[in-house]
Structure formats: structure tokens, C-alpha cells
Amino acid sequence: MRLRIASAIFALITAISPAIALAGTVWYDGSDPGDNYSWDLYGDNTAVRIHDGECDGDGGYANYYTTGDLGTERRVDDPDGCSSAEGTASSLFYLYKHRTCEDHQFAPDPCSGYNFE
């Protein structure tokens, strides 16, 4: 009986773990879909991180706003793209919303929709 309960609990945790990991994450599908994304960190929404893993020459960045300055758009860039390094920005205020974008030369930068925290 205990084994069944433990198995049921494990199955439930396994089923909801991806949803928890993806909460607050915003993808922009560039040349390799899903490789540009930003997300909020630390569970208290005081930081945003950007990842560009495409190696396509177009850098990834995130625009974000905080509750301390709702009218000021801020930006954090992935420092080198297509590798394990990621850009991170922290704030004393809570993250209000953020989106993922890709830097295109000679054309408007395409972006995802905003994720509202």
C-alpha cells in the first residue's frame, strides 16, 4: 500500500514538474524554434534571464519592466549567443512583464508577446 502511495506521489510530481519549470518562460521561435527564451528567476520575480542558443548571428535579448518603474523599458542581452552563457538582470523591484526578442540588422526586431508576472 505504501509503495502505491509513493508511486502515485512520484507520478504527480513528475507530471507537474515541467509546468513549474516553464512558468514565466517566454520563447521567440527564430531560425531554430525554441532556442531564444527568457524567464523570471528566484521565484520572487526580481530578475530576468535571456538565452540565445541558435548560433545564427542574431543575438537574443529580453525587454522587461519592473513594478518600480512601469513606464521604463529595460533590456538584457545574451552576452555571446549559441553557447551556455546567458544574460541576467536583477532589480530591487518585482518583474512586471518581459518578452524575448531577436536582434536583426536592417529590419525590425521580432519579439514574442509579453509574459505578465
N, C-alpha and C. Protein backbone atom coordinates (compact mmCIF):
# COMPACT_ATOMS: atom_id res chain seq x y z
N MET A 1 0.83 -1.20 0.00
CA MET A 1 0.00 0.00 0.00
C MET A 1 0.87 1.26 0.00
N ARG A 2 1.92 1.28 0.84
CA ARG A 2 2.80 2.46 0.88
C ARG A 2 3.50 2.67 -0.45
N LEU A 3 3.86 1.56 -1.09
CA LEU A 3 4.53 1.66 -2.38
C LEU A 3 3.60 2.29 -3.42
N ARG A 4 2.32 1.97 -3.39
CA ARG A 4 1.36 2.55 -4.33
C ARG A 4 1.21 4.05 -4.08
N ILE A 5 1.14 4.45 -2.82
CA ILE A 5 1.01 5.87 -2.49
C ILE A 5 2.27 6.62 -2.92
N ALA A 6 3.44 6.04 -2.64
CA ALA A 6 4.69 6.68 -3.04
C ALA A 6 4.77 6.78 -4.57
N SER A 7 4.34 5.73 -5.26
CA SER A 7 4.36 5.75 -6.73
C SER A 7 3.41 6.81 -7.27
N ALA A 8 2.25 6.95 -6.66
CA ALA A 8 1.27 7.95 -7.09
C ALA A 8 1.80 9.36 -6.86
N ILE A 9 2.44 9.58 -5.72
CA ILE A 9 3.02 10.90 -5.43
C ILE A 9 4.13 11.22 -6.42
N PHE A 10 5.00 10.25 -6.68
CA PHE A 10 6.09 10.44 -7.64
C PHE A 10 5.54 10.77 -9.03
N ALA A 11 4.49 10.06 -9.45
CA ALA A 11 3.89 10.30 -10.77
C ALA A 11 3.30 11.71 -10.84
N LEU A 12 2.67 12.16 -9.77
CA LEU A 12 2.09 13.50 -9.74
C LEU A 12 3.19 14.56 -9.82
N ILE A 13 4.25 14.40 -9.06
CA ILE A 13 5.36 15.36 -9.08
C ILE A 13 6.00 15.39 -10.46
N THR A 14 6.20 14.24 -11.06
CA THR A 14 6.79 14.15 -12.39
C THR A 14 5.90 14.84 -13.42
N ALA A 15 4.59 14.69 -13.27
CA ALA A 15 3.66 15.28 -14.24
C ALA A 15 3.64 16.79 -14.15
N ILE A 16 3.74 17.37 -12.95
CA ILE A 16 3.64 18.83 -12.83
C ILE A 16 4.99 19.53 -12.90
N SER A 17 6.08 18.82 -12.79
CA SER A 17 7.41 19.45 -12.83
C SER A 17 7.65 20.27 -14.09
N PRO A 18 7.35 19.77 -15.31
CA PRO A 18 7.57 20.60 -16.49
C PRO A 18 6.77 21.90 -16.46
N ALA A 19 5.55 21.85 -15.96
CA ALA A 19 4.73 23.06 -15.88
C ALA A 19 5.35 24.08 -14.94
N ILE A 20 5.91 23.62 -13.83
CA ILE A 20 6.56 24.52 -12.89
C ILE A 20 7.81 25.12 -13.52
N ALA A 21 8.60 24.31 -14.20
CA ALA A 21 9.83 24.78 -14.82
C ALA A 21 9.55 25.78 -15.94
N LEU A 22 8.42 25.66 -16.62
CA LEU A 22 8.10 26.53 -17.74
C LEU A 22 7.34 27.78 -17.34
N ALA A 23 6.87 27.85 -16.12
CA ALA A 23 6.12 29.03 -15.68
C ALA A 23 7.00 30.26 -15.79
N GLY A 24 6.49 31.31 -16.40
CA GLY A 24 7.23 32.55 -16.54
C GLY A 24 8.22 32.57 -17.68
N THR A 25 8.26 31.52 -18.51
CA THR A 25 9.21 31.44 -19.62
C THR A 25 8.53 31.90 -20.91
N VAL A 26 9.27 32.71 -21.70
CA VAL A 26 8.75 33.22 -22.97
C VAL A 26 9.71 32.84 -24.07
N TRP A 27 9.21 32.18 -25.11
CA TRP A 27 10.02 31.76 -26.24
C TRP A 27 9.78 32.67 -27.42
N TYR A 28 10.86 32.95 -28.17
CA TYR A 28 10.72 33.52 -29.51
C TYR A 28 11.30 32.48 -30.46
N ASP A 29 10.50 32.02 -31.40
CA ASP A 29 10.96 30.99 -32.33
C ASP A 29 11.66 31.64 -33.51
N GLY A 30 12.99 31.59 -33.49
CA GLY A 30 13.80 32.14 -34.57
C GLY A 30 14.08 31.08 -35.61
N SER A 31 15.30 31.05 -36.10
CA SER A 31 15.63 30.09 -37.15
C SER A 31 15.64 28.66 -36.63
N ASP A 32 15.92 28.46 -35.36
CA ASP A 32 15.82 27.15 -34.72
C ASP A 32 14.78 27.27 -33.62
N PRO A 33 13.53 26.91 -33.88
CA PRO A 33 12.45 27.16 -32.93
C PRO A 33 12.76 26.75 -31.50
N GLY A 34 12.44 27.65 -30.59
CA GLY A 34 12.58 27.37 -29.17
C GLY A 34 13.94 27.70 -28.58
N ASP A 35 14.88 28.17 -29.40
CA ASP A 35 16.22 28.41 -28.88
C ASP A 35 16.44 29.81 -28.31
N ASN A 36 15.51 30.72 -28.46
CA ASN A 36 15.56 32.04 -27.82
C ASN A 36 14.47 32.07 -26.76
N TYR A 37 14.85 32.27 -25.51
CA TYR A 37 13.84 32.34 -24.47
C TYR A 37 14.35 33.13 -23.28
N SER A 38 13.41 33.71 -22.56
CA SER A 38 13.72 34.44 -21.33
C SER A 38 12.77 33.95 -20.24
N TRP A 39 13.21 34.09 -19.00
CA TRP A 39 12.38 33.63 -17.88
C TRP A 39 12.72 34.42 -16.63
N ASP A 40 11.77 34.41 -15.69
CA ASP A 40 11.98 35.08 -14.41
C ASP A 40 12.68 34.11 -13.46
N LEU A 41 13.51 34.67 -12.57
CA LEU A 41 14.33 33.85 -11.68
C LEU A 41 13.88 33.94 -10.24
N TYR A 42 14.37 33.03 -9.45
CA TYR A 42 14.34 33.06 -7.98
C TYR A 42 12.97 32.95 -7.35
N GLY A 43 11.91 32.84 -8.10
CA GLY A 43 10.59 32.68 -7.51
C GLY A 43 10.01 33.95 -6.93
N ASP A 44 10.82 34.99 -6.74
CA ASP A 44 10.28 36.25 -6.23
C ASP A 44 10.20 37.31 -7.33
N ASN A 45 10.49 36.91 -8.57
CA ASN A 45 10.35 37.77 -9.74
C ASN A 45 11.15 39.06 -9.65
N THR A 46 12.39 38.99 -9.19
CA THR A 46 13.23 40.18 -9.14
C THR A 46 14.38 40.11 -10.15
N ALA A 47 14.34 39.14 -11.05
CA ALA A 47 15.39 39.02 -12.06
C ALA A 47 14.83 38.34 -13.30
N VAL A 48 15.46 38.64 -14.43
CA VAL A 48 15.10 38.01 -15.71
C VAL A 48 16.39 37.52 -16.36
N ARG A 49 16.30 36.38 -17.03
CA ARG A 49 17.45 35.79 -17.71
C ARG A 49 17.07 35.54 -19.17
N ILE A 50 18.04 35.73 -20.08
CA ILE A 50 17.83 35.51 -21.52
C ILE A 50 18.81 34.46 -22.02
N HIS A 51 18.34 33.60 -22.90
CA HIS A 51 19.18 32.57 -23.51
C HIS A 51 18.99 32.59 -25.02
N ASP A 52 20.09 32.67 -25.77
CA ASP A 52 20.08 32.57 -27.22
C ASP A 52 20.97 31.41 -27.60
N GLY A 53 20.40 30.32 -28.04
CA GLY A 53 21.19 29.14 -28.34
C GLY A 53 21.24 28.78 -29.80
N GLU A 54 21.01 29.73 -30.70
CA GLU A 54 20.87 29.39 -32.11
C GLU A 54 22.15 29.42 -32.94
N CYS A 55 23.13 30.23 -32.62
CA CYS A 55 24.33 30.39 -33.45
C CYS A 55 23.97 30.85 -34.86
N ASP A 56 22.99 31.76 -34.96
CA ASP A 56 22.55 32.24 -36.27
C ASP A 56 23.02 33.66 -36.57
N GLY A 57 23.82 34.25 -35.70
CA GLY A 57 24.32 35.60 -35.91
C GLY A 57 23.39 36.69 -35.43
N ASP A 58 22.18 36.34 -35.01
CA ASP A 58 21.22 37.30 -34.48
C ASP A 58 21.13 37.11 -32.98
N GLY A 59 21.58 38.10 -32.23
CA GLY A 59 21.59 37.99 -30.78
C GLY A 59 20.21 38.01 -30.17
N GLY A 60 20.05 37.31 -29.06
CA GLY A 60 18.80 37.31 -28.33
C GLY A 60 18.86 38.31 -27.20
N TYR A 61 17.71 38.92 -26.87
CA TYR A 61 17.63 39.82 -25.72
C TYR A 61 16.22 39.80 -25.16
N ALA A 62 16.08 40.31 -23.96
CA ALA A 62 14.77 40.41 -23.32
C ALA A 62 14.52 41.86 -22.97
N ASN A 63 13.31 42.33 -23.26
CA ASN A 63 12.82 43.61 -22.75
C ASN A 63 12.02 43.29 -21.50
N TYR A 64 12.17 44.13 -20.46
CA TYR A 64 11.40 43.88 -19.25
C TYR A 64 11.05 45.18 -18.54
N TYR A 65 10.03 45.11 -17.72
CA TYR A 65 9.58 46.22 -16.91
C TYR A 65 9.48 45.73 -15.47
N THR A 66 9.69 46.63 -14.51
CA THR A 66 9.54 46.29 -13.10
C THR A 66 8.43 47.13 -12.48
N THR A 67 7.96 46.73 -11.31
CA THR A 67 6.89 47.46 -10.63
C THR A 67 7.36 48.82 -10.12
N GLY A 68 8.66 49.02 -9.99
CA GLY A 68 9.19 50.30 -9.51
C GLY A 68 9.20 51.37 -10.57
N ASP A 69 9.15 50.98 -11.84
CA ASP A 69 9.19 51.95 -12.94
C ASP A 69 8.43 51.39 -14.14
N LEU A 70 7.12 51.31 -14.01
CA LEU A 70 6.28 50.65 -15.01
C LEU A 70 6.44 51.23 -16.41
N GLY A 71 6.86 52.49 -16.53
CA GLY A 71 6.97 53.11 -17.84
C GLY A 71 8.34 53.00 -18.46
N THR A 72 9.31 52.41 -17.79
CA THR A 72 10.67 52.33 -18.31
C THR A 72 10.98 50.93 -18.81
N GLU A 73 11.19 50.83 -20.14
CA GLU A 73 11.58 49.55 -20.71
C GLU A 73 13.07 49.34 -20.49
N ARG A 74 13.43 48.18 -19.99
CA ARG A 74 14.83 47.83 -19.78
C ARG A 74 15.17 46.66 -20.70
N ARG A 75 16.47 46.43 -20.87
CA ARG A 75 16.91 45.38 -21.79
C ARG A 75 18.09 44.63 -21.19
N VAL A 76 18.08 43.32 -21.38
CA VAL A 76 19.23 42.47 -21.03
C VAL A 76 19.53 41.59 -22.24
N ASP A 77 20.83 41.52 -22.60
CA ASP A 77 21.27 40.76 -23.77
C ASP A 77 21.94 39.47 -23.35
N ASP A 78 21.82 38.46 -24.20
CA ASP A 78 22.65 37.27 -24.06
C ASP A 78 24.05 37.71 -24.50
N PRO A 79 25.07 37.50 -23.67
CA PRO A 79 26.38 38.08 -23.97
C PRO A 79 27.08 37.50 -25.19
N ASP A 80 26.82 36.26 -25.54
CA ASP A 80 27.55 35.69 -26.67
C ASP A 80 26.72 34.78 -27.55
N GLY A 81 25.49 34.49 -27.20
CA GLY A 81 24.64 33.63 -28.04
C GLY A 81 25.24 32.26 -28.27
N CYS A 82 24.44 31.35 -28.68
CA CYS A 82 24.78 29.99 -29.12
C CYS A 82 25.76 29.24 -28.22
N SER A 83 25.78 29.55 -26.95
CA SER A 83 26.59 28.77 -26.02
C SER A 83 25.88 28.71 -24.69
N SER A 84 26.57 28.25 -23.68
CA SER A 84 25.93 28.07 -22.38
C SER A 84 25.78 29.36 -21.59
N ALA A 85 26.47 30.44 -21.98
CA ALA A 85 26.36 31.70 -21.24
C ALA A 85 24.99 32.33 -21.48
N GLU A 86 24.49 33.01 -20.47
CA GLU A 86 23.18 33.67 -20.55
C GLU A 86 23.29 35.05 -19.92
N GLY A 87 22.44 35.95 -20.34
CA GLY A 87 22.40 37.28 -19.75
C GLY A 87 21.40 37.31 -18.61
N THR A 88 21.74 38.00 -17.52
CA THR A 88 20.86 38.10 -16.36
C THR A 88 20.81 39.54 -15.89
N ALA A 89 19.62 40.01 -15.56
CA ALA A 89 19.44 41.34 -14.99
C ALA A 89 18.61 41.20 -13.72
N SER A 90 19.04 41.87 -12.65
CA SER A 90 18.32 41.84 -11.38
C SER A 90 17.80 43.23 -11.05
N SER A 91 16.79 43.29 -10.21
CA SER A 91 16.19 44.55 -9.83
C SER A 91 15.82 44.51 -8.35
N LEU A 92 15.73 45.67 -7.74
CA LEU A 92 15.22 45.75 -6.38
C LEU A 92 13.70 45.63 -6.36
N PHE A 93 13.09 45.81 -7.53
CA PHE A 93 11.64 45.75 -7.65
C PHE A 93 11.22 44.46 -8.34
N TYR A 94 9.94 44.15 -8.23
CA TYR A 94 9.43 42.94 -8.86
C TYR A 94 9.32 43.11 -10.37
N LEU A 95 9.61 42.03 -11.08
CA LEU A 95 9.46 42.00 -12.52
C LEU A 95 7.98 42.05 -12.84
N TYR A 96 7.58 42.99 -13.69
CA TYR A 96 6.18 43.15 -14.04
C TYR A 96 5.83 42.36 -15.30
N LYS A 97 6.65 42.53 -16.34
CA LYS A 97 6.45 41.78 -17.58
C LYS A 97 7.77 41.71 -18.34
N HIS A 98 7.89 40.72 -19.21
CA HIS A 98 9.08 40.58 -20.04
C HIS A 98 8.72 39.86 -21.33
N ARG A 99 9.59 40.05 -22.34
CA ARG A 99 9.42 39.36 -23.63
C ARG A 99 10.79 39.02 -24.20
N THR A 100 10.81 38.09 -25.12
CA THR A 100 12.04 37.64 -25.77
C THR A 100 12.09 38.19 -27.19
N CYS A 101 13.26 38.72 -27.58
CA CYS A 101 13.42 39.30 -28.91
C CYS A 101 14.70 38.78 -29.56
N GLU A 102 14.80 39.01 -30.86
CA GLU A 102 15.99 38.66 -31.60
C GLU A 102 16.44 39.89 -32.36
N ASP A 103 17.73 40.22 -32.26
CA ASP A 103 18.30 41.42 -32.85
C ASP A 103 18.58 41.20 -34.33
N HIS A 104 17.82 41.87 -35.20
CA HIS A 104 18.01 41.75 -36.64
C HIS A 104 18.54 43.07 -37.20
N GLN A 105 19.59 43.01 -38.02
CA GLN A 105 20.11 44.21 -38.66
C GLN A 105 19.24 44.58 -39.85
N PHE A 106 19.04 45.89 -40.02
CA PHE A 106 18.32 46.43 -41.17
C PHE A 106 16.87 45.97 -41.25
N ALA A 107 16.30 45.56 -40.14
CA ALA A 107 14.89 45.14 -40.11
C ALA A 107 14.40 45.26 -38.67
N PRO A 108 13.10 45.42 -38.49
CA PRO A 108 12.57 45.46 -37.12
C PRO A 108 12.86 44.15 -36.39
N ASP A 109 13.15 44.26 -35.10
CA ASP A 109 13.44 43.07 -34.29
C ASP A 109 12.14 42.33 -33.98
N PRO A 110 12.05 41.06 -34.35
CA PRO A 110 10.86 40.28 -33.99
C PRO A 110 10.92 39.90 -32.50
N CYS A 111 9.75 39.90 -31.86
CA CYS A 111 9.67 39.59 -30.43
C CYS A 111 8.46 38.72 -30.15
N SER A 112 8.53 38.03 -29.03
CA SER A 112 7.37 37.28 -28.54
C SER A 112 6.39 38.28 -27.92
N GLY A 113 5.26 37.77 -27.51
CA GLY A 113 4.35 38.57 -26.70
C GLY A 113 4.93 38.71 -25.29
N TYR A 114 4.35 39.61 -24.50
CA TYR A 114 4.81 39.79 -23.11
C TYR A 114 4.24 38.72 -22.20
N ASN A 115 5.05 38.29 -21.26
CA ASN A 115 4.60 37.45 -20.16
C ASN A 115 4.38 38.36 -18.97
N PHE A 116 3.17 38.41 -18.45
CA PHE A 116 2.86 39.23 -17.29
C PHE A 116 2.97 38.39 -16.04
N GLU A 117 3.76 38.85 -15.11
CA GLU A 117 4.00 38.11 -13.88
C GLU A 117 2.85 38.27 -12.92
